[in-house]
Amino acid sequence: MSFDDQTSWPTESGFVRKGMTVIGPEGTVLGVVDRVDGQEVMLEEAGHPFIAISEIDGIDGDRILLAPRGDATFGLGATP
């Protein structure tokens, strides 16, 4: 299978697949997965061209759920 034919990509949260729906933290649909390019999930819609893989809070069936605070790694390792 060539890179252009790939329809599934492994991430720390699970497999991201072409056609999955991306749901924002407030429950709105942001778009549909077209492909993964490096550390970004590229979307088919022009309104939200991509999301960072680090924003993924979880994968539920055919839905990608985003973390409420944006980048899921924000603040990790910081001392108060």
PDB file of N, CA and C in Angstrom:
ATOM      1  N   MET A   1       0.844  -1.171   0.000  1.00  0.00           N
ATOM      2  CA  MET A   1       0.000   0.000   0.000  1.00  0.00           C
ATOM      3  C   MET A   1       0.891   1.236   0.000  1.00  0.00           C
ATOM      4  N   SER A   2       0.643   2.172  -0.886  1.00  0.00           N
ATOM      5  CA  SER A   2       1.424   3.404  -0.901  1.00  0.00           C
ATOM      6  C   SER A   2       0.861   4.387   0.118  1.00  0.00           C
ATOM      7  N   PHE A   3       1.638   5.421   0.430  1.00  0.00           N
ATOM      8  CA  PHE A   3       1.216   6.436   1.391  1.00  0.00           C
ATOM      9  C   PHE A   3      -0.109   7.063   0.974  1.00  0.00           C
ATOM     10  N   ASP A   4      -0.285   7.298  -0.336  1.00  0.00           N
ATOM     11  CA  ASP A   4      -1.500   7.937  -0.843  1.00  0.00           C
ATOM     12  C   ASP A   4      -2.737   7.068  -0.656  1.00  0.00           C
ATOM     13  N   ASP A   5      -2.569   5.751  -0.553  1.00  0.00           N
ATOM     14  CA  ASP A   5      -3.699   4.840  -0.399  1.00  0.00           C
ATOM     15  C   ASP A   5      -4.024   4.559   1.068  1.00  0.00           C
ATOM     16  N   GLN A   6      -3.233   5.069   1.983  1.00  0.00           N
ATOM     17  CA  GLN A   6      -3.407   4.786   3.402  1.00  0.00           C
ATOM     18  C   GLN A   6      -4.718   5.400   3.902  1.00  0.00           C
ATOM     19  N   THR A   7      -5.461   4.621   4.719  1.00  0.00           N
ATOM     20  CA  THR A   7      -6.738   5.097   5.253  1.00  0.00           C
ATOM     21  C   THR A   7      -6.815   4.986   6.769  1.00  0.00           C
ATOM     22  N   SER A   8      -5.726   4.555   7.425  1.00  0.00           N
ATOM     23  CA  SER A   8      -5.702   4.392   8.874  1.00  0.00           C
ATOM     24  C   SER A   8      -4.302   4.702   9.381  1.00  0.00           C
ATOM     25  N   TRP A   9      -4.247   5.467  10.517  1.00  0.00           N
ATOM     26  CA  TRP A   9      -2.974   5.898  11.062  1.00  0.00           C
ATOM     27  C   TRP A   9      -2.958   5.673  12.564  1.00  0.00           C
ATOM     28  N   PRO A  10      -1.915   5.046  13.117  1.00  0.00           N
ATOM     29  CA  PRO A  10      -1.841   4.839  14.569  1.00  0.00           C
ATOM     30  C   PRO A  10      -1.461   6.128  15.291  1.00  0.00           C
ATOM     31  N   THR A  11      -2.107   6.386  16.428  1.00  0.00           N
ATOM     32  CA  THR A  11      -1.754   7.501  17.304  1.00  0.00           C
ATOM     33  C   THR A  11      -1.744   6.967  18.732  1.00  0.00           C
ATOM     34  N   GLU A  12      -1.325   7.771  19.689  1.00  0.00           N
ATOM     35  CA  GLU A  12      -1.331   7.352  21.092  1.00  0.00           C
ATOM     36  C   GLU A  12      -2.748   7.098  21.595  1.00  0.00           C
ATOM     37  N   SER A  13      -3.739   7.756  21.001  1.00  0.00           N
ATOM     38  CA  SER A  13      -5.136   7.603  21.428  1.00  0.00           C
ATOM     39  C   SER A  13      -5.840   6.443  20.746  1.00  0.00           C
ATOM     40  N   GLY A  14      -5.238   5.890  19.713  1.00  0.00           N
ATOM     41  CA  GLY A  14      -5.852   4.810  18.936  1.00  0.00           C
ATOM     42  C   GLY A  14      -5.686   5.101  17.452  1.00  0.00           C
ATOM     43  N   PHE A  15      -6.341   4.317  16.629  1.00  0.00           N
ATOM     44  CA  PHE A  15      -6.218   4.491  15.188  1.00  0.00           C
ATOM     45  C   PHE A  15      -7.148   5.588  14.692  1.00  0.00           C
ATOM     46  N   VAL A  16      -6.593   6.513  13.916  1.00  0.00           N
ATOM     47  CA  VAL A  16      -7.372   7.539  13.231  1.00  0.00           C
ATOM     48  C   VAL A  16      -7.608   7.021  11.821  1.00  0.00           C
ATOM     49  N   ARG A  17      -8.877   7.039  11.395  1.00  0.00           N
ATOM     50  CA  ARG A  17      -9.227   6.522  10.075  1.00  0.00           C
ATOM     51  C   ARG A  17      -9.878   7.604   9.215  1.00  0.00           C
ATOM     52  N   LYS A  18      -9.631   7.526   7.934  1.00  0.00           N
ATOM     53  CA  LYS A  18     -10.260   8.429   6.970  1.00  0.00           C
ATOM     54  C   LYS A  18     -11.776   8.322   7.131  1.00  0.00           C
ATOM     55  N   GLY A  19     -12.457   9.465   7.148  1.00  0.00           N
ATOM     56  CA  GLY A  19     -13.910   9.487   7.257  1.00  0.00           C
ATOM     57  C   GLY A  19     -14.432   9.627   8.685  1.00  0.00           C
ATOM     58  N   MET A  20     -13.541   9.577   9.701  1.00  0.00           N
ATOM     59  CA  MET A  20     -13.986   9.748  11.088  1.00  0.00           C
ATOM     60  C   MET A  20     -14.454  11.185  11.296  1.00  0.00           C
ATOM     61  N   THR A  21     -15.436  11.367  12.174  1.00  0.00           N
ATOM     62  CA  THR A  21     -15.948  12.687  12.512  1.00  0.00           C
ATOM     63  C   THR A  21     -15.157  13.244  13.690  1.00  0.00           C
ATOM     64  N   VAL A  22     -14.746  14.503  13.592  1.00  0.00           N
ATOM     65  CA  VAL A  22     -14.013  15.169  14.663  1.00  0.00           C
ATOM     66  C   VAL A  22     -14.992  16.043  15.445  1.00  0.00           C
ATOM     67  N   ILE A  23     -15.075  15.783  16.761  1.00  0.00           N
ATOM     68  CA  ILE A  23     -16.001  16.486  17.645  1.00  0.00           C
ATOM     69  C   ILE A  23     -15.196  17.395  18.577  1.00  0.00           C
ATOM     70  N   GLY A  24     -15.521  18.674  18.586  1.00  0.00           N
ATOM     71  CA  GLY A  24     -14.856  19.635  19.461  1.00  0.00           C
ATOM     72  C   GLY A  24     -15.269  19.437  20.901  1.00  0.00           C
ATOM     73  N   PRO A  25     -14.564  20.062  21.837  1.00  0.00           N
ATOM     74  CA  PRO A  25     -14.855  19.903  23.265  1.00  0.00           C
ATOM     75  C   PRO A  25     -16.264  20.345  23.652  1.00  0.00           C
ATOM     76  N   GLU A  26     -16.853  21.260  22.879  1.00  0.00           N
ATOM     77  CA  GLU A  26     -18.200  21.728  23.178  1.00  0.00           C
ATOM     78  C   GLU A  26     -19.276  20.911  22.478  1.00  0.00           C
ATOM     79  N   GLY A  27     -18.863  19.850  21.772  1.00  0.00           N
ATOM     80  CA  GLY A  27     -19.806  18.937  21.136  1.00  0.00           C
ATOM     81  C   GLY A  27     -20.135  19.249  19.692  1.00  0.00           C
ATOM     82  N   THR A  28     -19.509  20.240  19.106  1.00  0.00           N
ATOM     83  CA  THR A  28     -19.783  20.575  17.713  1.00  0.00           C
ATOM     84  C   THR A  28     -18.893  19.758  16.776  1.00  0.00           C
ATOM     85  N   VAL A  29     -19.425  19.469  15.608  1.00  0.00           N
ATOM     86  CA  VAL A  29     -18.665  18.737  14.594  1.00  0.00           C
ATOM     87  C   VAL A  29     -17.742  19.727  13.893  1.00  0.00           C
ATOM     88  N   LEU A  30     -16.447  19.426  13.917  1.00  0.00           N
ATOM     89  CA  LEU A  30     -15.462  20.292  13.283  1.00  0.00           C
ATOM     90  C   LEU A  30     -15.140  19.864  11.860  1.00  0.00           C
ATOM     91  N   GLY A  31     -15.361  18.599  11.552  1.00  0.00           N
ATOM     92  CA  GLY A  31     -15.065  18.113  10.215  1.00  0.00           C
ATOM     93  C   GLY A  31     -14.889  16.615  10.176  1.00  0.00           C
ATOM     94  N   VAL A  32     -14.425  16.158   9.026  1.00  0.00           N
ATOM     95  CA  VAL A  32     -14.228  14.739   8.758  1.00  0.00           C
ATOM     96  C   VAL A  32     -12.767  14.532   8.361  1.00  0.00           C
ATOM     97  N   VAL A  33     -12.163  13.488   8.894  1.00  0.00           N
ATOM     98  CA  VAL A  33     -10.744  13.196   8.623  1.00  0.00           C
ATOM     99  C   VAL A  33     -10.530  12.866   7.151  1.00  0.00           C
ATOM    100  N   ASP A  34      -9.537  13.534   6.577  1.00  0.00           N
ATOM    101  CA  ASP A  34      -9.095  13.223   5.223  1.00  0.00           C
ATOM    102  C   ASP A  34      -7.843  12.357   5.278  1.00  0.00           C
ATOM    103  N   ARG A  35      -6.864  12.784   6.123  1.00  0.00           N
ATOM    104  CA  ARG A  35      -5.606  12.041   6.242  1.00  0.00           C
ATOM    105  C   ARG A  35      -4.836  12.565   7.449  1.00  0.00           C
ATOM    106  N   VAL A  36      -3.758  11.874   7.788  1.00  0.00           N
ATOM    107  CA  VAL A  36      -2.835  12.343   8.821  1.00  0.00           C
ATOM    108  C   VAL A  36      -1.542  12.717   8.118  1.00  0.00           C
ATOM    109  N   ASP A  37      -1.034  13.895   8.452  1.00  0.00           N
ATOM    110  CA  ASP A  37       0.199  14.397   7.862  1.00  0.00           C
ATOM    111  C   ASP A  37       1.120  14.815   9.004  1.00  0.00           C
ATOM    112  N   GLY A  38       2.077  13.968   9.347  1.00  0.00           N
ATOM    113  CA  GLY A  38       2.965  14.244  10.472  1.00  0.00           C
ATOM    114  C   GLY A  38       2.199  14.201  11.782  1.00  0.00           C
ATOM    115  N   GLN A  39       2.157  15.317  12.496  1.00  0.00           N
ATOM    116  CA  GLN A  39       1.452  15.410  13.777  1.00  0.00           C
ATOM    117  C   GLN A  39       0.112  16.133  13.642  1.00  0.00           C
ATOM    118  N   GLU A  40      -0.398  16.216  12.417  1.00  0.00           N
ATOM    119  CA  GLU A  40      -1.662  16.899  12.168  1.00  0.00           C
ATOM    120  C   GLU A  40      -2.658  15.986  11.476  1.00  0.00           C
ATOM    121  N   VAL A  41      -3.916  16.065  11.920  1.00  0.00           N
ATOM    122  CA  VAL A  41      -5.017  15.359  11.269  1.00  0.00           C
ATOM    123  C   VAL A  41      -5.649  16.366  10.313  1.00  0.00           C
ATOM    124  N   MET A  42      -5.538  16.101   9.025  1.00  0.00           N
ATOM    125  CA  MET A  42      -6.061  17.008   8.011  1.00  0.00           C
ATOM    126  C   MET A  42      -7.546  16.698   7.792  1.00  0.00           C
ATOM    127  N   LEU A  43      -8.368  17.747   7.753  1.00  0.00           N
ATOM    128  CA  LEU A  43      -9.808  17.586   7.599  1.00  0.00           C
ATOM    129  C   LEU A  43     -10.235  17.934   6.177  1.00  0.00           C
ATOM    130  N   GLU A  44     -11.378  17.365   5.767  1.00  0.00           N
ATOM    131  CA  GLU A  44     -11.889  17.596   4.417  1.00  0.00           C
ATOM    132  C   GLU A  44     -12.481  18.987   4.269  1.00  0.00           C
ATOM    133  N   GLU A  45     -13.051  19.558   5.331  1.00  0.00           N
ATOM    134  CA  GLU A  45     -13.713  20.844   5.260  1.00  0.00           C
ATOM    135  C   GLU A  45     -12.706  21.985   5.301  1.00  0.00           C
ATOM    136  N   ALA A  46     -13.044  23.073   4.645  1.00  0.00           N
ATOM    137  CA  ALA A  46     -12.149  24.220   4.586  1.00  0.00           C
ATOM    138  C   ALA A  46     -12.185  25.059   5.864  1.00  0.00           C
ATOM    139  N   GLY A  47     -13.262  25.017   6.635  1.00  0.00           N
ATOM    140  CA  GLY A  47     -13.389  25.834   7.841  1.00  0.00           C
ATOM    141  C   GLY A  47     -12.366  25.492   8.906  1.00  0.00           C
ATOM    142  N   HIS A  48     -12.073  24.229   9.076  1.00  0.00           N
ATOM    143  CA  HIS A  48     -11.072  23.751  10.027  1.00  0.00           C
ATOM    144  C   HIS A  48     -10.140  22.846   9.240  1.00  0.00           C
ATOM    145  N   PRO A  49      -9.035  23.387   8.707  1.00  0.00           N
ATOM    146  CA  PRO A  49      -8.190  22.578   7.829  1.00  0.00           C
ATOM    147  C   PRO A  49      -7.472  21.421   8.514  1.00  0.00           C
ATOM    148  N   PHE A  50      -7.194  21.555   9.842  1.00  0.00           N
ATOM    149  CA  PHE A  50      -6.501  20.469  10.534  1.00  0.00           C
ATOM    150  C   PHE A  50      -6.660  20.631  12.033  1.00  0.00           C
ATOM    151  N   ILE A  51      -6.355  19.540  12.767  1.00  0.00           N
ATOM    152  CA  ILE A  51      -6.213  19.576  14.216  1.00  0.00           C
ATOM    153  C   ILE A  51      -4.891  18.895  14.541  1.00  0.00           C
ATOM    154  N   ALA A  52      -4.288  19.268  15.640  1.00  0.00           N
ATOM    155  CA  ALA A  52      -3.049  18.619  16.081  1.00  0.00           C
ATOM    156  C   ALA A  52      -3.403  17.293  16.748  1.00  0.00           C
ATOM    157  N   ILE A  53      -2.598  16.280  16.527  1.00  0.00           N
ATOM    158  CA  ILE A  53      -2.823  14.982  17.166  1.00  0.00           C
ATOM    159  C   ILE A  53      -2.845  15.133  18.688  1.00  0.00           C
ATOM    160  N   SER A  54      -2.059  16.075  19.216  1.00  0.00           N
ATOM    161  CA  SER A  54      -2.007  16.280  20.664  1.00  0.00           C
ATOM    162  C   SER A  54      -3.324  16.804  21.233  1.00  0.00           C
ATOM    163  N   GLU A  55      -4.245  17.274  20.380  1.00  0.00           N
ATOM    164  CA  GLU A  55      -5.551  17.756  20.838  1.00  0.00           C
ATOM    165  C   GLU A  55      -6.549  16.620  21.069  1.00  0.00           C
ATOM    166  N   ILE A  56      -6.233  15.412  20.602  1.00  0.00           N
ATOM    167  CA  ILE A  56      -7.160  14.286  20.711  1.00  0.00           C
ATOM    168  C   ILE A  56      -7.248  13.835  22.165  1.00  0.00           C
ATOM    169  N   ASP A  57      -8.489  13.820  22.682  1.00  0.00           N
ATOM    170  CA  ASP A  57      -8.742  13.366  24.051  1.00  0.00           C
ATOM    171  C   ASP A  57      -9.108  11.887  24.049  1.00  0.00           C
ATOM    172  N   GLY A  58      -9.707  11.422  22.958  1.00  0.00           N
ATOM    173  CA  GLY A  58     -10.088  10.023  22.863  1.00  0.00           C
ATOM    174  C   GLY A  58     -10.721   9.710  21.526  1.00  0.00           C
ATOM    175  N   ILE A  59     -10.835   8.427  21.254  1.00  0.00           N
ATOM    176  CA  ILE A  59     -11.479   7.949  20.035  1.00  0.00           C
ATOM    177  C   ILE A  59     -12.603   7.027  20.452  1.00  0.00           C
ATOM    178  N   ASP A  60     -13.811   7.316  19.949  1.00  0.00           N
ATOM    179  CA  ASP A  60     -15.012   6.575  20.307  1.00  0.00           C
ATOM    180  C   ASP A  60     -15.685   6.105  19.028  1.00  0.00           C
ATOM    181  N   GLY A  61     -15.431   4.852  18.650  1.00  0.00           N
ATOM    182  CA  GLY A  61     -16.018   4.338  17.413  1.00  0.00           C
ATOM    183  C   GLY A  61     -15.495   5.090  16.210  1.00  0.00           C
ATOM    184  N   ASP A  62     -16.385   5.796  15.522  1.00  0.00           N
ATOM    185  CA  ASP A  62     -16.002   6.578  14.344  1.00  0.00           C
ATOM    186  C   ASP A  62     -15.894   8.068  14.652  1.00  0.00           C
ATOM    187  N   ARG A  63     -15.692   8.387  15.930  1.00  0.00           N
ATOM    188  CA  ARG A  63     -15.578   9.793  16.326  1.00  0.00           C
ATOM    189  C   ARG A  63     -14.260  10.049  17.045  1.00  0.00           C
ATOM    190  N   ILE A  64     -13.675  11.201  16.763  1.00  0.00           N
ATOM    191  CA  ILE A  64     -12.491  11.671  17.472  1.00  0.00           C
ATOM    192  C   ILE A  64     -12.962  12.788  18.388  1.00  0.00           C
ATOM    193  N   LEU A  65     -12.700  12.639  19.672  1.00  0.00           N
ATOM    194  CA  LEU A  65     -13.115  13.627  20.653  1.00  0.00           C
ATOM    195  C   LEU A  65     -11.908  14.465  21.045  1.00  0.00           C
ATOM    196  N   LEU A  66     -12.055  15.790  21.014  1.00  0.00           N
ATOM    197  CA  LEU A  66     -10.940  16.677  21.341  1.00  0.00           C
ATOM    198  C   LEU A  66     -10.958  17.074  22.804  1.00  0.00           C
ATOM    199  N   ALA A  67      -9.778  17.317  23.342  1.00  0.00           N
ATOM    200  CA  ALA A  67      -9.624  17.716  24.741  1.00  0.00           C
ATOM    201  C   ALA A  67     -10.222  19.102  24.959  1.00  0.00           C
ATOM    202  N   PRO A  68     -10.870  19.325  26.107  1.00  0.00           N
ATOM    203  CA  PRO A  68     -11.484  20.617  26.382  1.00  0.00           C
ATOM    204  C   PRO A  68     -10.512  21.783  26.429  1.00  0.00           C
ATOM    205  N   ARG A  69      -9.269  21.522  26.797  1.00  0.00           N
ATOM    206  CA  ARG A  69      -8.330  22.642  26.926  1.00  0.00           C
ATOM    207  C   ARG A  69      -7.420  22.806  25.712  1.00  0.00           C
ATOM    208  N   GLY A  70      -7.751  22.185  24.607  1.00  0.00           N
ATOM    209  CA  GLY A  70      -6.920  22.330  23.405  1.00  0.00           C
ATOM    210  C   GLY A  70      -5.823  21.297  23.387  1.00  0.00           C
ATOM    211  N   ASP A  71      -4.593  21.735  23.414  1.00  0.00           N
ATOM    212  CA  ASP A  71      -3.446  20.841  23.357  1.00  0.00           C
ATOM    213  C   ASP A  71      -3.399  20.003  24.635  1.00  0.00           C
ATOM    214  N   ALA A  72      -3.572  18.703  24.491  1.00  0.00           N
ATOM    215  CA  ALA A  72      -3.638  17.796  25.639  1.00  0.00           C
ATOM    216  C   ALA A  72      -2.336  17.759  26.423  1.00  0.00           C
ATOM    217  N   THR A  73      -1.236  18.223  25.852  1.00  0.00           N
ATOM    218  CA  THR A  73       0.041  18.196  26.553  1.00  0.00           C
ATOM    219  C   THR A  73       0.336  19.522  27.250  1.00  0.00           C
ATOM    220  N   PHE A  74      -0.527  20.511  27.100  1.00  0.00           N
ATOM    221  CA  PHE A  74      -0.286  21.826  27.692  1.00  0.00           C
ATOM    222  C   PHE A  74      -0.143  21.718  29.206  1.00  0.00           C
ATOM    223  N   GLY A  75       0.948  22.248  29.734  1.00  0.00           N
ATOM    224  CA  GLY A  75       1.148  22.288  31.169  1.00  0.00           C
ATOM    225  C   GLY A  75       1.724  21.032  31.794  1.00  0.00           C
ATOM    226  N   LEU A  76       1.868  19.967  31.031  1.00  0.00           N
ATOM    227  CA  LEU A  76       2.440  18.751  31.607  1.00  0.00           C
ATOM    228  C   LEU A  76       3.889  19.008  31.987  1.00  0.00           C
ATOM    229  N   GLY A  77       4.240  18.629  33.195  1.00  0.00           N
ATOM    230  CA  GLY A  77       5.601  18.800  33.659  1.00  0.00           C
ATOM    231  C   GLY A  77       5.878  20.163  34.274  1.00  0.00           C
ATOM    232  N   ALA A  78       4.905  21.061  34.178  1.00  0.00           N
ATOM    233  CA  ALA A  78       5.103  22.382  34.766  1.00  0.00           C
ATOM    234  C   ALA A  78       4.916  22.312  36.280  1.00  0.00           C
ATOM    235  N   THR A  79       5.666  23.125  36.984  1.00  0.00           N
ATOM    236  CA  THR A  79       5.500  23.184  38.431  1.00  0.00           C
ATOM    237  C   THR A  79       4.725  24.433  38.798  1.00  0.00           C
ATOM    238  N   PRO A  80       3.799  24.311  39.755  1.00  0.00           N
ATOM    239  CA  PRO A  80       2.976  25.476  40.117  1.00  0.00           C
ATOM    240  C   PRO A  80       3.773  26.540  40.833  1.00  0.00           C
TER     241      PRO A  80
END
